[in-house]
Amino acid sequence: MHGSRGSAHLVMKCKFCSRESSIEIVRGKERPFTADDEQSYVPFLTMDCRGMEPIEFEAPNTGFLAKSVKGTVFSEVDLSEGDWTDFDEAGNMSVGLYELTSTLKVTAHHK
């Protein structure tokens, strides 16, 4: 960041007031979504936002890894169509992810 020892994943400068704002991705608060999490949300991204507040989130579509309850790993899971299905040969069963949704939770932290 300009004039600072700090760094961020995203730095933006306001074209009206020239104020710099930033977003840093915080590691260690995310966790995998499991079969036990059906019907609930799981945190997979935490951001420290300085000078800006996200108002909308669109989940990524590709680059996911899925693991069946029998242990078969499916890499390159593509969610661009909204759902994903495959067949687990080792478990002799169909596997899939359906009707995935995301939510944006904004929490204010004051020091």
N, C-alpha and C. Protein backbone atom coordinates (compact mmCIF):
# COMPACT_ATOMS: atom_id res chain seq x y z
N MET A 1 0.86 -1.17 0.00
CA MET A 1 0.00 0.00 0.00
C MET A 1 0.90 1.23 0.00
N HIS A 2 0.50 2.21 -0.72
CA HIS A 2 1.30 3.41 -0.89
C HIS A 2 1.58 4.10 0.44
N GLY A 3 2.85 4.37 0.73
CA GLY A 3 3.23 5.07 1.95
C GLY A 3 3.08 4.24 3.21
N SER A 4 3.07 2.92 3.09
CA SER A 4 2.84 2.06 4.24
C SER A 4 3.74 0.83 4.15
N ARG A 5 3.99 0.20 5.27
CA ARG A 5 4.70 -1.08 5.28
C ARG A 5 3.75 -2.23 5.07
N GLY A 6 2.46 -1.95 5.18
CA GLY A 6 1.44 -2.99 5.06
C GLY A 6 1.22 -3.42 3.62
N SER A 7 0.50 -4.52 3.49
CA SER A 7 0.12 -5.02 2.18
C SER A 7 -1.33 -5.46 2.23
N ALA A 8 -1.93 -5.62 1.08
CA ALA A 8 -3.33 -6.04 0.99
C ALA A 8 -3.52 -6.80 -0.31
N HIS A 9 -4.60 -7.56 -0.38
CA HIS A 9 -4.92 -8.29 -1.60
C HIS A 9 -5.59 -7.39 -2.63
N LEU A 10 -6.26 -6.34 -2.16
CA LEU A 10 -6.90 -5.38 -3.06
C LEU A 10 -6.73 -3.99 -2.48
N VAL A 11 -6.22 -3.07 -3.27
CA VAL A 11 -6.08 -1.67 -2.85
C VAL A 11 -6.75 -0.82 -3.93
N MET A 12 -7.63 0.08 -3.49
CA MET A 12 -8.33 0.98 -4.42
C MET A 12 -8.19 2.41 -3.94
N LYS A 13 -8.11 3.32 -4.90
CA LYS A 13 -8.00 4.73 -4.58
C LYS A 13 -9.23 5.45 -5.12
N CYS A 14 -9.90 6.22 -4.27
CA CYS A 14 -11.09 6.96 -4.67
C CYS A 14 -10.70 8.05 -5.66
N LYS A 15 -11.38 8.11 -6.78
CA LYS A 15 -11.03 9.12 -7.78
C LYS A 15 -11.51 10.52 -7.39
N PHE A 16 -12.38 10.61 -6.38
CA PHE A 16 -12.87 11.93 -5.95
C PHE A 16 -12.02 12.52 -4.83
N CYS A 17 -11.70 11.70 -3.79
CA CYS A 17 -10.97 12.23 -2.63
C CYS A 17 -9.55 11.70 -2.52
N SER A 18 -9.18 10.77 -3.38
CA SER A 18 -7.84 10.14 -3.41
C SER A 18 -7.53 9.29 -2.18
N ARG A 19 -8.54 8.97 -1.37
CA ARG A 19 -8.33 8.11 -0.20
C ARG A 19 -8.12 6.67 -0.66
N GLU A 20 -7.15 5.99 -0.04
CA GLU A 20 -6.87 4.60 -0.35
C GLU A 20 -7.65 3.68 0.59
N SER A 21 -8.27 2.66 0.03
CA SER A 21 -8.99 1.65 0.80
C SER A 21 -8.42 0.29 0.43
N SER A 22 -8.59 -0.69 1.33
CA SER A 22 -7.98 -2.00 1.06
C SER A 22 -8.82 -3.15 1.60
N ILE A 23 -8.55 -4.32 1.03
CA ILE A 23 -9.14 -5.57 1.51
C ILE A 23 -8.02 -6.59 1.64
N GLU A 24 -7.92 -7.20 2.81
CA GLU A 24 -6.94 -8.25 3.09
C GLU A 24 -7.70 -9.54 3.38
N ILE A 25 -7.32 -10.64 2.75
CA ILE A 25 -7.94 -11.93 3.03
C ILE A 25 -7.32 -12.50 4.30
N VAL A 26 -8.16 -12.85 5.27
CA VAL A 26 -7.72 -13.39 6.55
C VAL A 26 -7.75 -14.91 6.47
N ARG A 27 -6.62 -15.53 6.71
CA ARG A 27 -6.52 -16.99 6.65
C ARG A 27 -6.81 -17.60 8.03
N GLY A 28 -7.29 -18.85 8.04
CA GLY A 28 -7.46 -19.60 9.27
C GLY A 28 -8.88 -19.64 9.81
N LYS A 29 -9.80 -18.89 9.21
CA LYS A 29 -11.18 -18.91 9.70
C LYS A 29 -12.09 -19.75 8.80
N GLU A 30 -11.59 -20.16 7.66
CA GLU A 30 -12.39 -20.96 6.73
C GLU A 30 -12.34 -22.43 7.14
N ARG A 31 -13.31 -23.21 6.62
CA ARG A 31 -13.30 -24.65 6.85
C ARG A 31 -14.06 -25.32 5.71
N PRO A 32 -13.78 -26.60 5.48
CA PRO A 32 -14.46 -27.31 4.40
C PRO A 32 -15.96 -27.49 4.68
N PHE A 33 -16.75 -27.54 3.64
CA PHE A 33 -18.18 -27.86 3.72
C PHE A 33 -18.29 -29.38 3.71
N THR A 34 -18.99 -29.95 4.68
CA THR A 34 -19.13 -31.41 4.75
C THR A 34 -20.60 -31.81 4.63
N ALA A 35 -20.83 -33.11 4.54
CA ALA A 35 -22.21 -33.62 4.45
C ALA A 35 -23.02 -33.21 5.67
N ASP A 36 -22.38 -33.04 6.82
CA ASP A 36 -23.07 -32.63 8.04
C ASP A 36 -23.55 -31.18 7.99
N ASP A 37 -23.02 -30.41 7.04
CA ASP A 37 -23.36 -28.98 6.95
C ASP A 37 -24.56 -28.71 6.04
N GLU A 38 -25.22 -29.73 5.57
CA GLU A 38 -26.37 -29.52 4.69
C GLU A 38 -27.38 -28.59 5.37
N GLN A 39 -27.89 -27.66 4.61
CA GLN A 39 -28.86 -26.66 5.08
C GLN A 39 -28.24 -25.58 5.97
N SER A 40 -26.92 -25.44 5.96
CA SER A 40 -26.29 -24.37 6.74
C SER A 40 -25.16 -23.75 5.93
N TYR A 41 -24.73 -22.58 6.35
CA TYR A 41 -23.63 -21.88 5.70
C TYR A 41 -22.33 -22.19 6.42
N VAL A 42 -21.25 -22.24 5.65
CA VAL A 42 -19.92 -22.52 6.18
C VAL A 42 -19.00 -21.38 5.74
N PRO A 43 -18.23 -20.80 6.68
CA PRO A 43 -17.33 -19.71 6.28
C PRO A 43 -16.16 -20.25 5.44
N PHE A 44 -15.99 -19.69 4.24
CA PHE A 44 -14.84 -20.10 3.43
C PHE A 44 -13.98 -18.92 3.02
N LEU A 45 -14.39 -17.70 3.41
CA LEU A 45 -13.60 -16.52 3.11
C LEU A 45 -13.88 -15.45 4.15
N THR A 46 -12.83 -14.93 4.77
CA THR A 46 -12.95 -13.82 5.71
C THR A 46 -12.05 -12.70 5.21
N MET A 47 -12.59 -11.49 5.18
CA MET A 47 -11.84 -10.34 4.68
C MET A 47 -11.78 -9.24 5.73
N ASP A 48 -10.63 -8.59 5.83
CA ASP A 48 -10.46 -7.40 6.66
C ASP A 48 -10.54 -6.22 5.71
N CYS A 49 -11.62 -5.45 5.80
CA CYS A 49 -11.87 -4.34 4.89
C CYS A 49 -11.59 -3.02 5.59
N ARG A 50 -10.75 -2.20 4.99
CA ARG A 50 -10.39 -0.90 5.54
C ARG A 50 -10.82 0.19 4.56
N GLY A 51 -11.79 1.00 4.97
CA GLY A 51 -12.23 2.11 4.15
C GLY A 51 -13.25 1.75 3.08
N MET A 52 -13.69 0.50 3.04
CA MET A 52 -14.72 0.07 2.10
C MET A 52 -15.51 -1.07 2.71
N GLU A 53 -16.70 -1.27 2.20
CA GLU A 53 -17.57 -2.34 2.69
C GLU A 53 -18.16 -3.08 1.50
N PRO A 54 -17.92 -4.38 1.38
CA PRO A 54 -18.53 -5.15 0.29
C PRO A 54 -20.05 -5.11 0.40
N ILE A 55 -20.73 -5.02 -0.72
CA ILE A 55 -22.20 -4.99 -0.70
C ILE A 55 -22.80 -6.19 -1.43
N GLU A 56 -21.98 -6.93 -2.16
CA GLU A 56 -22.50 -8.09 -2.89
C GLU A 56 -21.37 -9.10 -3.06
N PHE A 57 -21.71 -10.37 -3.09
CA PHE A 57 -20.72 -11.42 -3.27
C PHE A 57 -21.22 -12.41 -4.29
N GLU A 58 -20.35 -12.80 -5.20
CA GLU A 58 -20.67 -13.86 -6.16
C GLU A 58 -19.63 -14.95 -5.99
N ALA A 59 -20.08 -16.13 -5.61
CA ALA A 59 -19.16 -17.23 -5.35
C ALA A 59 -18.45 -17.65 -6.63
N PRO A 60 -17.19 -18.09 -6.51
CA PRO A 60 -16.48 -18.58 -7.68
C PRO A 60 -17.13 -19.84 -8.23
N ASN A 61 -16.91 -20.11 -9.52
CA ASN A 61 -17.56 -21.25 -10.17
C ASN A 61 -16.64 -22.45 -10.35
N THR A 62 -15.34 -22.23 -10.38
CA THR A 62 -14.42 -23.32 -10.69
C THR A 62 -13.30 -23.38 -9.65
N GLY A 63 -12.53 -24.46 -9.73
CA GLY A 63 -11.38 -24.61 -8.84
C GLY A 63 -11.70 -25.31 -7.53
N PHE A 64 -12.86 -25.89 -7.41
CA PHE A 64 -13.23 -26.58 -6.17
C PHE A 64 -12.76 -28.03 -6.19
N LEU A 65 -12.60 -28.58 -5.02
CA LEU A 65 -12.23 -29.97 -4.82
C LEU A 65 -13.35 -30.60 -4.00
N ALA A 66 -13.82 -31.77 -4.40
CA ALA A 66 -14.87 -32.47 -3.66
C ALA A 66 -14.35 -33.86 -3.27
N LYS A 67 -14.79 -34.31 -2.10
CA LYS A 67 -14.40 -35.63 -1.61
C LYS A 67 -15.67 -36.36 -1.18
N SER A 68 -15.90 -37.56 -1.73
CA SER A 68 -17.11 -38.31 -1.38
C SER A 68 -16.98 -38.88 0.03
N VAL A 69 -18.09 -39.31 0.59
CA VAL A 69 -18.08 -39.90 1.93
C VAL A 69 -17.27 -41.20 1.95
N LYS A 70 -17.05 -41.79 0.78
CA LYS A 70 -16.23 -43.00 0.67
C LYS A 70 -14.75 -42.67 0.46
N GLY A 71 -14.41 -41.38 0.33
CA GLY A 71 -13.01 -40.97 0.23
C GLY A 71 -12.50 -40.65 -1.16
N THR A 72 -13.31 -40.84 -2.19
CA THR A 72 -12.88 -40.52 -3.54
C THR A 72 -12.77 -39.01 -3.71
N VAL A 73 -11.65 -38.55 -4.26
CA VAL A 73 -11.42 -37.12 -4.48
C VAL A 73 -11.73 -36.76 -5.92
N PHE A 74 -12.53 -35.71 -6.08
CA PHE A 74 -12.86 -35.18 -7.40
C PHE A 74 -12.24 -33.79 -7.50
N SER A 75 -11.25 -33.64 -8.36
CA SER A 75 -10.61 -32.33 -8.53
C SER A 75 -11.25 -31.63 -9.72
N GLU A 76 -11.01 -30.33 -9.80
CA GLU A 76 -11.55 -29.53 -10.91
C GLU A 76 -13.08 -29.54 -10.95
N VAL A 77 -13.73 -29.47 -9.80
CA VAL A 77 -15.19 -29.41 -9.75
C VAL A 77 -15.65 -28.07 -10.33
N ASP A 78 -16.54 -28.14 -11.31
CA ASP A 78 -17.03 -26.95 -12.01
C ASP A 78 -18.47 -26.68 -11.59
N LEU A 79 -18.69 -25.55 -10.91
CA LEU A 79 -20.03 -25.18 -10.44
C LEU A 79 -20.66 -24.09 -11.29
N SER A 80 -20.14 -23.87 -12.50
CA SER A 80 -20.64 -22.79 -13.35
C SER A 80 -22.09 -23.00 -13.78
N GLU A 81 -22.56 -24.24 -13.77
CA GLU A 81 -23.95 -24.53 -14.11
C GLU A 81 -24.85 -24.51 -12.87
N GLY A 82 -24.26 -24.29 -11.69
CA GLY A 82 -25.04 -24.25 -10.45
C GLY A 82 -25.01 -25.54 -9.68
N ASP A 83 -25.03 -26.67 -10.37
CA ASP A 83 -24.98 -27.98 -9.75
C ASP A 83 -23.80 -28.75 -10.32
N TRP A 84 -23.38 -29.81 -9.60
CA TRP A 84 -22.30 -30.68 -10.09
C TRP A 84 -22.66 -32.10 -9.72
N THR A 85 -22.46 -33.03 -10.65
CA THR A 85 -22.69 -34.45 -10.39
C THR A 85 -21.56 -35.27 -10.99
N ASP A 86 -21.33 -36.43 -10.42
CA ASP A 86 -20.34 -37.37 -10.92
C ASP A 86 -20.69 -38.74 -10.36
N PHE A 87 -19.86 -39.72 -10.65
CA PHE A 87 -20.09 -41.06 -10.12
C PHE A 87 -18.84 -41.52 -9.40
N ASP A 88 -19.01 -42.00 -8.17
CA ASP A 88 -17.91 -42.51 -7.36
C ASP A 88 -17.81 -44.01 -7.60
N GLU A 89 -16.81 -44.40 -8.41
CA GLU A 89 -16.63 -45.82 -8.75
C GLU A 89 -16.33 -46.66 -7.50
N ALA A 90 -15.47 -46.14 -6.62
CA ALA A 90 -15.08 -46.89 -5.42
C ALA A 90 -16.26 -47.13 -4.49
N GLY A 91 -17.14 -46.16 -4.37
CA GLY A 91 -18.31 -46.28 -3.50
C GLY A 91 -19.53 -46.78 -4.23
N ASN A 92 -19.43 -46.90 -5.57
CA ASN A 92 -20.54 -47.33 -6.42
C ASN A 92 -21.80 -46.50 -6.16
N MET A 93 -21.62 -45.17 -6.19
CA MET A 93 -22.74 -44.27 -5.92
C MET A 93 -22.59 -42.97 -6.69
N SER A 94 -23.73 -42.33 -6.93
CA SER A 94 -23.73 -41.00 -7.52
C SER A 94 -23.38 -39.99 -6.44
N VAL A 95 -22.64 -38.96 -6.82
CA VAL A 95 -22.29 -37.88 -5.90
C VAL A 95 -22.64 -36.56 -6.57
N GLY A 96 -22.91 -35.54 -5.77
CA GLY A 96 -23.24 -34.26 -6.37
C GLY A 96 -23.38 -33.14 -5.37
N LEU A 97 -23.36 -31.94 -5.89
CA LEU A 97 -23.62 -30.71 -5.14
C LEU A 97 -24.77 -30.02 -5.85
N TYR A 98 -25.80 -29.65 -5.10
CA TYR A 98 -27.01 -29.09 -5.70
C TYR A 98 -27.45 -27.83 -4.97
N GLU A 99 -28.00 -26.90 -5.71
CA GLU A 99 -28.61 -25.69 -5.16
C GLU A 99 -27.71 -24.95 -4.18
N LEU A 100 -26.45 -24.77 -4.55
CA LEU A 100 -25.52 -24.03 -3.70
C LEU A 100 -25.87 -22.55 -3.69
N THR A 101 -25.82 -21.95 -2.53
CA THR A 101 -26.06 -20.52 -2.39
C THR A 101 -24.95 -19.92 -1.52
N SER A 102 -24.82 -18.63 -1.58
CA SER A 102 -23.84 -17.95 -0.73
C SER A 102 -24.49 -16.73 -0.11
N THR A 103 -23.89 -16.27 0.95
CA THR A 103 -24.39 -15.08 1.63
C THR A 103 -23.19 -14.23 2.03
N LEU A 104 -23.41 -12.96 2.14
CA LEU A 104 -22.37 -12.04 2.57
C LEU A 104 -22.75 -11.51 3.93
N LYS A 105 -21.91 -11.79 4.91
CA LYS A 105 -22.15 -11.33 6.28
C LYS A 105 -21.12 -10.24 6.59
N VAL A 106 -21.57 -9.05 6.87
CA VAL A 106 -20.67 -7.93 7.17
C VAL A 106 -20.76 -7.66 8.66
N THR A 107 -19.60 -7.67 9.32
CA THR A 107 -19.53 -7.41 10.75
C THR A 107 -18.59 -6.24 10.98
N ALA A 108 -19.01 -5.28 11.76
CA ALA A 108 -18.16 -4.12 12.07
C ALA A 108 -17.33 -4.43 13.31
N HIS A 109 -16.05 -4.17 13.22
CA HIS A 109 -15.14 -4.33 14.35
C HIS A 109 -14.49 -2.98 14.62
N HIS A 110 -14.63 -2.49 15.82
CA HIS A 110 -14.02 -1.21 16.19
C HIS A 110 -12.97 -1.46 17.25
N LYS A 111 -11.84 -0.82 17.10
CA LYS A 111 -10.75 -0.99 18.08
C LYS A 111 -10.75 0.13 19.07
